[in-house]
Amino acid sequence: MINRRAVAAFVAAGVALGAAAPAQAQTTDEAFTAAVTKLGIPFAPNTDLPAVGKQVCELLTSSLAANSVNPVPAVRGVVTQLSSRGLDRAQAGSLLKLSVQAYCPQQARFVGR
């Protein structure tokens, strides 16, 4: 009797979790867009935020390739470029970190947490 109840509870929990998972799933692009929006980083309403994030990663990757010995100038250079486009340094740093988390996690060791 106990085994049947345990199996029934296990199956019910599995069904509940399986049914809930798709409702919670977000694509990388959706999660990135939500994070940028939540932080209040200013962009025009129709800006393709995932494309911006991917461009930030391309910029970081090319900067790191040019400064392979010392990554600090490369990271600072990306933040400076983003700052020159109307973001303050905190917003630029946040955008860089969000972009790396979403689109180029292999570069995470260079941008901190």
PDB file of N, CA and C in Angstrom:
ATOM      1  N   MET A   1       0.813  -1.180   0.000  1.00  0.00           N
ATOM      2  CA  MET A   1       0.000   0.000   0.000  1.00  0.00           C
ATOM      3  C   MET A   1       0.866   1.256   0.000  1.00  0.00           C
ATOM      4  N   ILE A   2       1.904   1.257   0.827  1.00  0.00           N
ATOM      5  CA  ILE A   2       2.783   2.416   0.900  1.00  0.00           C
ATOM      6  C   ILE A   2       3.503   2.610  -0.426  1.00  0.00           C
ATOM      7  N   ASN A   3       3.928   1.519  -1.060  1.00  0.00           N
ATOM      8  CA  ASN A   3       4.616   1.627  -2.336  1.00  0.00           C
ATOM      9  C   ASN A   3       3.724   2.241  -3.402  1.00  0.00           C
ATOM     10  N   ARG A   4       2.452   1.862  -3.430  1.00  0.00           N
ATOM     11  CA  ARG A   4       1.527   2.418  -4.420  1.00  0.00           C
ATOM     12  C   ARG A   4       1.349   3.917  -4.202  1.00  0.00           C
ATOM     13  N   ARG A   5       1.227   4.308  -2.949  1.00  0.00           N
ATOM     14  CA  ARG A   5       1.075   5.738  -2.651  1.00  0.00           C
ATOM     15  C   ARG A   5       2.336   6.511  -3.049  1.00  0.00           C
ATOM     16  N   ALA A   6       3.473   5.942  -2.746  1.00  0.00           N
ATOM     17  CA  ALA A   6       4.729   6.609  -3.086  1.00  0.00           C
ATOM     18  C   ALA A   6       4.869   6.754  -4.596  1.00  0.00           C
ATOM     19  N   VAL A   7       4.543   5.695  -5.323  1.00  0.00           N
ATOM     20  CA  VAL A   7       4.616   5.743  -6.787  1.00  0.00           C
ATOM     21  C   VAL A   7       3.618   6.756  -7.330  1.00  0.00           C
ATOM     22  N   ALA A   8       2.406   6.761  -6.799  1.00  0.00           N
ATOM     23  CA  ALA A   8       1.383   7.703  -7.253  1.00  0.00           C
ATOM     24  C   ALA A   8       1.814   9.143  -6.977  1.00  0.00           C
ATOM     25  N   ALA A   9       2.390   9.387  -5.807  1.00  0.00           N
ATOM     26  CA  ALA A   9       2.860  10.734  -5.474  1.00  0.00           C
ATOM     27  C   ALA A   9       4.006  11.149  -6.383  1.00  0.00           C
ATOM     28  N   PHE A  10       4.905  10.220  -6.647  1.00  0.00           N
ATOM     29  CA  PHE A  10       6.038  10.491  -7.517  1.00  0.00           C
ATOM     30  C   PHE A  10       5.572  10.824  -8.930  1.00  0.00           C
ATOM     31  N   VAL A  11       4.642  10.034  -9.449  1.00  0.00           N
ATOM     32  CA  VAL A  11       4.103  10.267 -10.792  1.00  0.00           C
ATOM     33  C   VAL A  11       3.374  11.608 -10.844  1.00  0.00           C
ATOM     34  N   ALA A  12       2.576  11.901  -9.832  1.00  0.00           N
ATOM     35  CA  ALA A  12       1.843  13.170  -9.801  1.00  0.00           C
ATOM     36  C   ALA A  12       2.808  14.353  -9.768  1.00  0.00           C
ATOM     37  N   ALA A  13       3.870  14.237  -8.985  1.00  0.00           N
ATOM     38  CA  ALA A  13       4.858  15.312  -8.916  1.00  0.00           C
ATOM     39  C   ALA A  13       5.564  15.477 -10.257  1.00  0.00           C
ATOM     40  N   GLY A  14       5.885  14.373 -10.899  1.00  0.00           N
ATOM     41  CA  GLY A  14       6.532  14.425 -12.210  1.00  0.00           C
ATOM     42  C   GLY A  14       5.648  15.073 -13.257  1.00  0.00           C
ATOM     43  N   VAL A  15       4.376  14.748 -13.245  1.00  0.00           N
ATOM     44  CA  VAL A  15       3.437  15.348 -14.191  1.00  0.00           C
ATOM     45  C   VAL A  15       3.319  16.845 -13.928  1.00  0.00           C
ATOM     46  N   ALA A  16       3.236  17.220 -12.667  1.00  0.00           N
ATOM     47  CA  ALA A  16       3.115  18.640 -12.320  1.00  0.00           C
ATOM     48  C   ALA A  16       4.354  19.414 -12.756  1.00  0.00           C
ATOM     49  N   LEU A  17       5.527  18.865 -12.525  1.00  0.00           N
ATOM     50  CA  LEU A  17       6.756  19.532 -12.931  1.00  0.00           C
ATOM     51  C   LEU A  17       6.879  19.590 -14.442  1.00  0.00           C
ATOM     52  N   GLY A  18       6.515  18.520 -15.095  1.00  0.00           N
ATOM     53  CA  GLY A  18       6.578  18.489 -16.552  1.00  0.00           C
ATOM     54  C   GLY A  18       5.631  19.485 -17.182  1.00  0.00           C
ATOM     55  N   ALA A  19       4.472  19.649 -16.600  1.00  0.00           N
ATOM     56  CA  ALA A  19       3.501  20.593 -17.140  1.00  0.00           C
ATOM     57  C   ALA A  19       3.921  22.031 -16.866  1.00  0.00           C
ATOM     58  N   ALA A  20       4.611  22.273 -15.774  1.00  0.00           N
ATOM     59  CA  ALA A  20       4.990  23.637 -15.415  1.00  0.00           C
ATOM     60  C   ALA A  20       6.226  24.115 -16.171  1.00  0.00           C
ATOM     61  N   ALA A  21       7.085  23.235 -16.574  1.00  0.00           N
ATOM     62  CA  ALA A  21       8.345  23.628 -17.189  1.00  0.00           C
ATOM     63  C   ALA A  21       8.173  24.477 -18.446  1.00  0.00           C
ATOM     64  N   PRO A  22       7.347  24.097 -19.397  1.00  0.00           N
ATOM     65  CA  PRO A  22       7.237  24.920 -20.594  1.00  0.00           C
ATOM     66  C   PRO A  22       6.739  26.339 -20.313  1.00  0.00           C
ATOM     67  N   ALA A  23       5.903  26.511 -19.325  1.00  0.00           N
ATOM     68  CA  ALA A  23       5.395  27.843 -19.008  1.00  0.00           C
ATOM     69  C   ALA A  23       6.506  28.747 -18.479  1.00  0.00           C
ATOM     70  N   GLN A  24       7.534  28.191 -17.874  1.00  0.00           N
ATOM     71  CA  GLN A  24       8.625  28.957 -17.294  1.00  0.00           C
ATOM     72  C   GLN A  24       9.777  29.184 -18.284  1.00  0.00           C
ATOM     73  N   ALA A  25       9.811  28.426 -19.357  1.00  0.00           N
ATOM     74  CA  ALA A  25      10.951  28.466 -20.264  1.00  0.00           C
ATOM     75  C   ALA A  25      11.019  29.794 -21.006  1.00  0.00           C
ATOM     76  N   GLN A  26      12.209  30.359 -21.060  1.00  0.00           N
ATOM     77  CA  GLN A  26      12.478  31.574 -21.816  1.00  0.00           C
ATOM     78  C   GLN A  26      13.657  31.300 -22.718  1.00  0.00           C
ATOM     79  N   THR A  27      13.623  31.867 -23.900  1.00  0.00           N
ATOM     80  CA  THR A  27      14.791  31.753 -24.756  1.00  0.00           C
ATOM     81  C   THR A  27      15.881  32.672 -24.206  1.00  0.00           C
ATOM     82  N   THR A  28      17.081  32.472 -24.674  1.00  0.00           N
ATOM     83  CA  THR A  28      18.191  33.333 -24.270  1.00  0.00           C
ATOM     84  C   THR A  28      17.891  34.781 -24.637  1.00  0.00           C
ATOM     85  N   ASP A  29      17.355  34.989 -25.838  1.00  0.00           N
ATOM     86  CA  ASP A  29      17.034  36.349 -26.280  1.00  0.00           C
ATOM     87  C   ASP A  29      15.980  36.998 -25.389  1.00  0.00           C
ATOM     88  N   GLU A  30      14.962  36.242 -25.011  1.00  0.00           N
ATOM     89  CA  GLU A  30      13.911  36.778 -24.138  1.00  0.00           C
ATOM     90  C   GLU A  30      14.473  37.125 -22.757  1.00  0.00           C
ATOM     91  N   ALA A  31      15.296  36.240 -22.229  1.00  0.00           N
ATOM     92  CA  ALA A  31      15.883  36.486 -20.907  1.00  0.00           C
ATOM     93  C   ALA A  31      16.802  37.706 -20.941  1.00  0.00           C
ATOM     94  N   PHE A  32      17.584  37.841 -22.002  1.00  0.00           N
ATOM     95  CA  PHE A  32      18.480  38.990 -22.144  1.00  0.00           C
ATOM     96  C   PHE A  32      17.674  40.286 -22.235  1.00  0.00           C
ATOM     97  N   THR A  33      16.655  40.287 -23.075  1.00  0.00           N
ATOM     98  CA  THR A  33      15.805  41.472 -23.235  1.00  0.00           C
ATOM     99  C   THR A  33      15.156  41.860 -21.913  1.00  0.00           C
ATOM    100  N   ALA A  34      14.660  40.871 -21.190  1.00  0.00           N
ATOM    101  CA  ALA A  34      14.025  41.144 -19.893  1.00  0.00           C
ATOM    102  C   ALA A  34      15.029  41.726 -18.902  1.00  0.00           C
ATOM    103  N   ALA A  35      16.241  41.200 -18.890  1.00  0.00           N
ATOM    104  CA  ALA A  35      17.258  41.682 -17.949  1.00  0.00           C
ATOM    105  C   ALA A  35      17.676  43.114 -18.268  1.00  0.00           C
ATOM    106  N   VAL A  36      17.868  43.417 -19.549  1.00  0.00           N
ATOM    107  CA  VAL A  36      18.244  44.776 -19.946  1.00  0.00           C
ATOM    108  C   VAL A  36      17.124  45.752 -19.593  1.00  0.00           C
ATOM    109  N   THR A  37      15.895  45.345 -19.864  1.00  0.00           N
ATOM    110  CA  THR A  37      14.738  46.189 -19.559  1.00  0.00           C
ATOM    111  C   THR A  37      14.608  46.410 -18.058  1.00  0.00           C
ATOM    112  N   LYS A  38      14.797  45.350 -17.282  1.00  0.00           N
ATOM    113  CA  LYS A  38      14.679  45.441 -15.825  1.00  0.00           C
ATOM    114  C   LYS A  38      15.705  46.405 -15.233  1.00  0.00           C
ATOM    115  N   LEU A  39      16.901  46.421 -15.793  1.00  0.00           N
ATOM    116  CA  LEU A  39      17.944  47.319 -15.295  1.00  0.00           C
ATOM    117  C   LEU A  39      17.730  48.762 -15.742  1.00  0.00           C
ATOM    118  N   GLY A  40      16.802  48.967 -16.670  1.00  0.00           N
ATOM    119  CA  GLY A  40      16.512  50.322 -17.124  1.00  0.00           C
ATOM    120  C   GLY A  40      17.582  50.912 -18.023  1.00  0.00           C
ATOM    121  N   ILE A  41      18.323  50.059 -18.709  1.00  0.00           N
ATOM    122  CA  ILE A  41      19.335  50.545 -19.640  1.00  0.00           C
ATOM    123  C   ILE A  41      18.594  51.138 -20.838  1.00  0.00           C
ATOM    124  N   PRO A  42      18.841  52.421 -21.153  1.00  0.00           N
ATOM    125  CA  PRO A  42      18.022  53.109 -22.154  1.00  0.00           C
ATOM    126  C   PRO A  42      18.345  52.722 -23.597  1.00  0.00           C
ATOM    127  N   PHE A  43      17.321  52.283 -24.288  1.00  0.00           N
ATOM    128  CA  PHE A  43      17.403  51.999 -25.716  1.00  0.00           C
ATOM    129  C   PHE A  43      16.109  52.465 -26.356  1.00  0.00           C
ATOM    130  N   ALA A  44      16.147  52.744 -27.636  1.00  0.00           N
ATOM    131  CA  ALA A  44      14.937  53.117 -28.367  1.00  0.00           C
ATOM    132  C   ALA A  44      13.949  51.952 -28.306  1.00  0.00           C
ATOM    133  N   PRO A  45      12.656  52.238 -28.348  1.00  0.00           N
ATOM    134  CA  PRO A  45      11.637  51.191 -28.187  1.00  0.00           C
ATOM    135  C   PRO A  45      11.758  50.003 -29.147  1.00  0.00           C
ATOM    136  N   ASN A  46      12.167  50.223 -30.374  1.00  0.00           N
ATOM    137  CA  ASN A  46      12.220  49.121 -31.344  1.00  0.00           C
ATOM    138  C   ASN A  46      13.612  48.536 -31.513  1.00  0.00           C
ATOM    139  N   THR A  47      14.501  48.788 -30.575  1.00  0.00           N
ATOM    140  CA  THR A  47      15.863  48.267 -30.655  1.00  0.00           C
ATOM    141  C   THR A  47      15.858  46.753 -30.499  1.00  0.00           C
ATOM    142  N   ASP A  48      16.601  46.076 -31.353  1.00  0.00           N
ATOM    143  CA  ASP A  48      16.763  44.625 -31.265  1.00  0.00           C
ATOM    144  C   ASP A  48      17.833  44.355 -30.201  1.00  0.00           C
ATOM    145  N   LEU A  49      17.397  44.232 -28.961  1.00  0.00           N
ATOM    146  CA  LEU A  49      18.342  44.091 -27.851  1.00  0.00           C
ATOM    147  C   LEU A  49      19.234  42.859 -27.970  1.00  0.00           C
ATOM    148  N   PRO A  50      18.711  41.691 -28.393  1.00  0.00           N
ATOM    149  CA  PRO A  50      19.621  40.554 -28.570  1.00  0.00           C
ATOM    150  C   PRO A  50      20.736  40.841 -29.579  1.00  0.00           C
ATOM    151  N   ALA A  51      20.425  41.581 -30.638  1.00  0.00           N
ATOM    152  CA  ALA A  51      21.464  41.938 -31.611  1.00  0.00           C
ATOM    153  C   ALA A  51      22.512  42.833 -30.962  1.00  0.00           C
ATOM    154  N   VAL A  52      22.080  43.742 -30.100  1.00  0.00           N
ATOM    155  CA  VAL A  52      23.019  44.603 -29.372  1.00  0.00           C
ATOM    156  C   VAL A  52      23.930  43.745 -28.493  1.00  0.00           C
ATOM    157  N   GLY A  53      23.343  42.804 -27.765  1.00  0.00           N
ATOM    158  CA  GLY A  53      24.131  41.926 -26.907  1.00  0.00           C
ATOM    159  C   GLY A  53      25.156  41.118 -27.684  1.00  0.00           C
ATOM    160  N   LYS A  54      24.752  40.632 -28.845  1.00  0.00           N
ATOM    161  CA  LYS A  54      25.678  39.857 -29.686  1.00  0.00           C
ATOM    162  C   LYS A  54      26.787  40.751 -30.232  1.00  0.00           C
ATOM    163  N   GLN A  55      26.462  42.004 -30.570  1.00  0.00           N
ATOM    164  CA  GLN A  55      27.482  42.944 -31.037  1.00  0.00           C
ATOM    165  C   GLN A  55      28.478  43.263 -29.923  1.00  0.00           C
ATOM    166  N   VAL A  56      27.984  43.385 -28.708  1.00  0.00           N
ATOM    167  CA  VAL A  56      28.872  43.631 -27.569  1.00  0.00           C
ATOM    168  C   VAL A  56      29.850  42.466 -27.433  1.00  0.00           C
ATOM    169  N   CYS A  57      29.359  41.244 -27.588  1.00  0.00           N
ATOM    170  CA  CYS A  57      30.246  40.074 -27.502  1.00  0.00           C
ATOM    171  C   CYS A  57      31.268  40.064 -28.630  1.00  0.00           C
ATOM    172  N   GLU A  58      30.842  40.427 -29.835  1.00  0.00           N
ATOM    173  CA  GLU A  58      31.788  40.491 -30.956  1.00  0.00           C
ATOM    174  C   GLU A  58      32.870  41.533 -30.685  1.00  0.00           C
ATOM    175  N   LEU A  59      32.459  42.677 -30.158  1.00  0.00           N
ATOM    176  CA  LEU A  59      33.406  43.739 -29.826  1.00  0.00           C
ATOM    177  C   LEU A  59      34.390  43.271 -28.754  1.00  0.00           C
ATOM    178  N   LEU A  60      33.882  42.618 -27.729  1.00  0.00           N
ATOM    179  CA  LEU A  60      34.747  42.113 -26.661  1.00  0.00           C
ATOM    180  C   LEU A  60      35.709  41.058 -27.191  1.00  0.00           C
ATOM    181  N   THR A  61      35.209  40.137 -27.984  1.00  0.00           N
ATOM    182  CA  THR A  61      36.047  39.064 -28.520  1.00  0.00           C
ATOM    183  C   THR A  61      37.167  39.624 -29.386  1.00  0.00           C
ATOM    184  N   SER A  62      36.849  40.587 -30.254  1.00  0.00           N
ATOM    185  CA  SER A  62      37.896  41.165 -31.101  1.00  0.00           C
ATOM    186  C   SER A  62      38.883  41.992 -30.274  1.00  0.00           C
ATOM    187  N   SER A  63      38.395  42.682 -29.253  1.00  0.00           N
ATOM    188  CA  SER A  63      39.291  43.452 -28.382  1.00  0.00           C
ATOM    189  C   SER A  63      40.216  42.540 -27.592  1.00  0.00           C
ATOM    190  N   LEU A  64      39.678  41.422 -27.127  1.00  0.00           N
ATOM    191  CA  LEU A  64      40.511  40.470 -26.386  1.00  0.00           C
ATOM    192  C   LEU A  64      41.561  39.841 -27.287  1.00  0.00           C
ATOM    193  N   ALA A  65      41.214  39.591 -28.541  1.00  0.00           N
ATOM    194  CA  ALA A  65      42.179  39.018 -29.477  1.00  0.00           C
ATOM    195  C   ALA A  65      43.336  39.990 -29.709  1.00  0.00           C
ATOM    196  N   ALA A  66      43.033  41.271 -29.734  1.00  0.00           N
ATOM    197  CA  ALA A  66      44.066  42.280 -29.945  1.00  0.00           C
ATOM    198  C   ALA A  66      44.904  42.517 -28.690  1.00  0.00           C
ATOM    199  N   ASN A  67      44.358  42.219 -27.528  1.00  0.00           N
ATOM    200  CA  ASN A  67      45.052  42.427 -26.248  1.00  0.00           C
ATOM    201  C   ASN A  67      45.160  41.114 -25.487  1.00  0.00           C
ATOM    202  N   SER A  68      45.650  40.092 -26.133  1.00  0.00           N
ATOM    203  CA  SER A  68      45.643  38.757 -25.535  1.00  0.00           C
ATOM    204  C   SER A  68      46.519  38.643 -24.293  1.00  0.00           C
ATOM    205  N   VAL A  69      47.515  39.498 -24.155  1.00  0.00           N
ATOM    206  CA  VAL A  69      48.403  39.422 -23.000  1.00  0.00           C
ATOM    207  C   VAL A  69      47.724  39.981 -21.754  1.00  0.00           C
ATOM    208  N   ASN A  70      46.997  41.092 -21.907  1.00  0.00           N
ATOM    209  CA  ASN A  70      46.352  41.750 -20.773  1.00  0.00           C
ATOM    210  C   ASN A  70      44.914  42.098 -21.158  1.00  0.00           C
ATOM    211  N   PRO A  71      43.937  41.372 -20.625  1.00  0.00           N
ATOM    212  CA  PRO A  71      42.548  41.617 -21.023  1.00  0.00           C
ATOM    213  C   PRO A  71      41.925  42.882 -20.434  1.00  0.00           C
ATOM    214  N   VAL A  72      42.539  43.471 -19.422  1.00  0.00           N
ATOM    215  CA  VAL A  72      41.942  44.641 -18.762  1.00  0.00           C
ATOM    216  C   VAL A  72      41.709  45.795 -19.739  1.00  0.00           C
ATOM    217  N   PRO A  73      42.694  46.172 -20.575  1.00  0.00           N
ATOM    218  CA  PRO A  73      42.431  47.257 -21.527  1.00  0.00           C
ATOM    219  C   PRO A  73      41.310  46.922 -22.514  1.00  0.00           C
ATOM    220  N   ALA A  74      41.184  45.666 -22.871  1.00  0.00           N
ATOM    221  CA  ALA A  74      40.122  45.265 -23.799  1.00  0.00           C
ATOM    222  C   ALA A  74      38.750  45.468 -23.171  1.00  0.00           C
ATOM    223  N   VAL A  75      38.602  45.042 -21.933  1.00  0.00           N
ATOM    224  CA  VAL A  75      37.317  45.190 -21.238  1.00  0.00           C
ATOM    225  C   VAL A  75      37.013  46.667 -21.015  1.00  0.00           C
ATOM    226  N   ARG A  76      37.999  47.420 -20.578  1.00  0.00           N
ATOM    227  CA  ARG A  76      37.796  48.868 -20.376  1.00  0.00           C
ATOM    228  C   ARG A  76      37.435  49.554 -21.687  1.00  0.00           C
ATOM    229  N   GLY A  77      38.064  49.117 -22.765  1.00  0.00           N
ATOM    230  CA  GLY A  77      37.774  49.698 -24.075  1.00  0.00           C
ATOM    231  C   GLY A  77      36.334  49.474 -24.493  1.00  0.00           C
ATOM    232  N   VAL A  78      35.813  48.292 -24.234  1.00  0.00           N
ATOM    233  CA  VAL A  78      34.414  48.002 -24.566  1.00  0.00           C
ATOM    234  C   VAL A  78      33.493  48.874 -23.725  1.00  0.00           C
ATOM    235  N   VAL A  79      33.761  48.980 -22.438  1.00  0.00           N
ATOM    236  CA  VAL A  79      32.935  49.824 -21.560  1.00  0.00           C
ATOM    237  C   VAL A  79      32.994  51.279 -22.024  1.00  0.00           C
ATOM    238  N   THR A  80      34.175  51.743 -22.404  1.00  0.00           N
ATOM    239  CA  THR A  80      34.319  53.116 -22.889  1.00  0.00           C
ATOM    240  C   THR A  80      33.527  53.333 -24.170  1.00  0.00           C
ATOM    241  N   GLN A  81      33.581  52.371 -25.082  1.00  0.00           N
ATOM    242  CA  GLN A  81      32.816  52.502 -26.329  1.00  0.00           C
ATOM    243  C   GLN A  81      31.319  52.536 -26.057  1.00  0.00           C
ATOM    244  N   LEU A  82      30.863  51.687 -25.149  1.00  0.00           N
ATOM    245  CA  LEU A  82      29.437  51.693 -24.808  1.00  0.00           C
ATOM    246  C   LEU A  82      29.055  53.007 -24.129  1.00  0.00           C
ATOM    247  N   SER A  83      29.940  53.527 -23.296  1.00  0.00           N
ATOM    248  CA  SER A  83      29.680  54.800 -22.616  1.00  0.00           C
ATOM    249  C   SER A  83      29.583  55.951 -23.613  1.00  0.00           C
ATOM    250  N   SER A  84      30.364  55.877 -24.678  1.00  0.00           N
ATOM    251  CA  SER A  84      30.333  56.942 -25.680  1.00  0.00           C
ATOM    252  C   SER A  84      29.045  56.915 -26.507  1.00  0.00           C
ATOM    253  N   ARG A  85      28.254  55.874 -26.338  1.00  0.00           N
ATOM    254  CA  ARG A  85      26.984  55.748 -27.061  1.00  0.00           C
ATOM    255  C   ARG A  85      25.791  56.132 -26.190  1.00  0.00           C
ATOM    256  N   GLY A  86      26.057  56.856 -25.125  1.00  0.00           N
ATOM    257  CA  GLY A  86      24.964  57.388 -24.318  1.00  0.00           C
ATOM    258  C   GLY A  86      24.662  56.646 -23.028  1.00  0.00           C
ATOM    259  N   LEU A  87      25.421  55.615 -22.711  1.00  0.00           N
ATOM    260  CA  LEU A  87      25.222  54.899 -21.451  1.00  0.00           C
ATOM    261  C   LEU A  87      26.211  55.432 -20.426  1.00  0.00           C
ATOM    262  N   ASP A  88      25.808  55.452 -19.157  1.00  0.00           N
ATOM    263  CA  ASP A  88      26.808  55.777 -18.145  1.00  0.00           C
ATOM    264  C   ASP A  88      27.661  54.530 -17.909  1.00  0.00           C
ATOM    265  N   ARG A  89      28.745  54.690 -17.172  1.00  0.00           N
ATOM    266  CA  ARG A  89      29.684  53.563 -17.013  1.00  0.00           C
ATOM    267  C   ARG A  89      29.035  52.364 -16.326  1.00  0.00           C
ATOM    268  N   ALA A  90      28.169  52.614 -15.364  1.00  0.00           N
ATOM    269  CA  ALA A  90      27.493  51.502 -14.678  1.00  0.00           C
ATOM    270  C   ALA A  90      26.583  50.749 -15.645  1.00  0.00           C
ATOM    271  N   GLN A  91      25.848  51.480 -16.467  1.00  0.00           N
ATOM    272  CA  GLN A  91      24.976  50.838 -17.452  1.00  0.00           C
ATOM    273  C   GLN A  91      25.804  50.076 -18.483  1.00  0.00           C
ATOM    274  N   ALA A  92      26.910  50.672 -18.917  1.00  0.00           N
ATOM    275  CA  ALA A  92      27.783  50.013 -19.892  1.00  0.00           C
ATOM    276  C   ALA A  92      28.356  48.720 -19.316  1.00  0.00           C
ATOM    277  N   GLY A  93      28.798  48.777 -18.068  1.00  0.00           N
ATOM    278  CA  GLY A  93      29.321  47.569 -17.421  1.00  0.00           C
ATOM    279  C   GLY A  93      28.259  46.504 -17.260  1.00  0.00           C
ATOM    280  N   SER A  94      27.056  46.918 -16.898  1.00  0.00           N
ATOM    281  CA  SER A  94      25.950  45.958 -16.753  1.00  0.00           C
ATOM    282  C   SER A  94      25.588  45.333 -18.088  1.00  0.00           C
ATOM    283  N   LEU A  95      25.541  46.154 -19.138  1.00  0.00           N
ATOM    284  CA  LEU A  95      25.226  45.622 -20.468  1.00  0.00           C
ATOM    285  C   LEU A  95      26.298  44.636 -20.913  1.00  0.00           C
ATOM    286  N   LEU A  96      27.548  44.957 -20.647  1.00  0.00           N
ATOM    287  CA  LEU A  96      28.643  44.048 -20.989  1.00  0.00           C
ATOM    288  C   LEU A  96      28.480  42.717 -20.262  1.00  0.00           C
ATOM    289  N   LYS A  97      28.227  42.768 -18.967  1.00  0.00           N
ATOM    290  CA  LYS A  97      28.085  41.531 -18.192  1.00  0.00           C
ATOM    291  C   LYS A  97      26.882  40.710 -18.651  1.00  0.00           C
ATOM    292  N   LEU A  98      25.753  41.368 -18.893  1.00  0.00           N
ATOM    293  CA  LEU A  98      24.566  40.644 -19.372  1.00  0.00           C
ATOM    294  C   LEU A  98      24.825  40.010 -20.732  1.00  0.00           C
ATOM    295  N   SER A  99      25.509  40.740 -21.605  1.00  0.00           N
ATOM    296  CA  SER A  99      25.822  40.218 -22.939  1.00  0.00           C
ATOM    297  C   SER A  99      26.705  38.984 -22.847  1.00  0.00           C
ATOM    298  N   VAL A 100      27.711  39.066 -21.988  1.00  0.00           N
ATOM    299  CA  VAL A 100      28.626  37.929 -21.820  1.00  0.00           C
ATOM    300  C   VAL A 100      27.884  36.726 -21.253  1.00  0.00           C
ATOM    301  N   GLN A 101      27.054  36.948 -20.241  1.00  0.00           N
ATOM    302  CA  GLN A 101      26.292  35.836 -19.656  1.00  0.00           C
ATOM    303  C   GLN A 101      25.417  35.158 -20.699  1.00  0.00           C
ATOM    304  N   ALA A 102      24.813  35.945 -21.566  1.00  0.00           N
ATOM    305  CA  ALA A 102      23.860  35.394 -22.526  1.00  0.00           C
ATOM    306  C   ALA A 102      24.521  34.839 -23.780  1.00  0.00           C
ATOM    307  N   TYR A 103      25.492  35.560 -24.340  1.00  0.00           N
ATOM    308  CA  TYR A 103      25.944  35.243 -25.690  1.00  0.00           C
ATOM    309  C   TYR A 103      27.413  34.843 -25.835  1.00  0.00           C
ATOM    310  N   CYS A 104      28.229  35.112 -24.846  1.00  0.00           N
ATOM    311  CA  CYS A 104      29.633  34.675 -24.951  1.00  0.00           C
ATOM    312  C   CYS A 104      30.177  34.308 -23.568  1.00  0.00           C
ATOM    313  N   PRO A 105      29.571  33.300 -22.940  1.00  0.00           N
ATOM    314  CA  PRO A 105      29.990  32.932 -21.581  1.00  0.00           C
ATOM    315  C   PRO A 105      31.454  32.502 -21.485  1.00  0.00           C
ATOM    316  N   GLN A 106      32.052  32.152 -22.603  1.00  0.00           N
ATOM    317  CA  GLN A 106      33.470  31.776 -22.581  1.00  0.00           C
ATOM    318  C   GLN A 106      34.353  32.973 -22.216  1.00  0.00           C
ATOM    319  N   GLN A 107      33.811  34.187 -22.288  1.00  0.00           N
ATOM    320  CA  GLN A 107      34.569  35.388 -21.939  1.00  0.00           C
ATOM    321  C   GLN A 107      34.307  35.848 -20.503  1.00  0.00           C
ATOM    322  N   ALA A 108      33.498  35.110 -19.761  1.00  0.00           N
ATOM    323  CA  ALA A 108      33.068  35.540 -18.421  1.00  0.00           C
ATOM    324  C   ALA A 108      34.239  35.796 -17.480  1.00  0.00           C
ATOM    325  N   ARG A 109      35.294  35.059 -17.598  1.00  0.00           N
ATOM    326  CA  ARG A 109      36.418  35.235 -16.669  1.00  0.00           C
ATOM    327  C   ARG A 109      37.073  36.610 -16.815  1.00  0.00           C
ATOM    328  N   PHE A 110      36.819  37.298 -17.922  1.00  0.00           N
ATOM    329  CA  PHE A 110      37.428  38.607 -18.144  1.00  0.00           C
ATOM    330  C   PHE A 110      36.592  39.771 -17.614  1.00  0.00           C
ATOM    331  N   VAL A 111      35.305  39.551 -17.381  1.00  0.00           N
ATOM    332  CA  VAL A 111      34.437  40.671 -17.002  1.00  0.00           C
ATOM    333  C   VAL A 111      33.988  40.624 -15.550  1.00  0.00           C
ATOM    334  N   GLY A 112      34.358  39.648 -14.817  1.00  0.00           N
ATOM    335  CA  GLY A 112      33.962  39.565 -13.417  1.00  0.00           C
ATOM    336  C   GLY A 112      32.539  39.084 -13.256  1.00  0.00           C
ATOM    337  N   ARG A 113      32.011  39.295 -12.068  1.00  0.00           N
ATOM    338  CA  ARG A 113      30.682  38.773 -11.757  1.00  0.00           C
ATOM    339  C   ARG A 113      29.644  39.805 -11.919  1.00  0.00           C
TER     340      ARG A 113
END
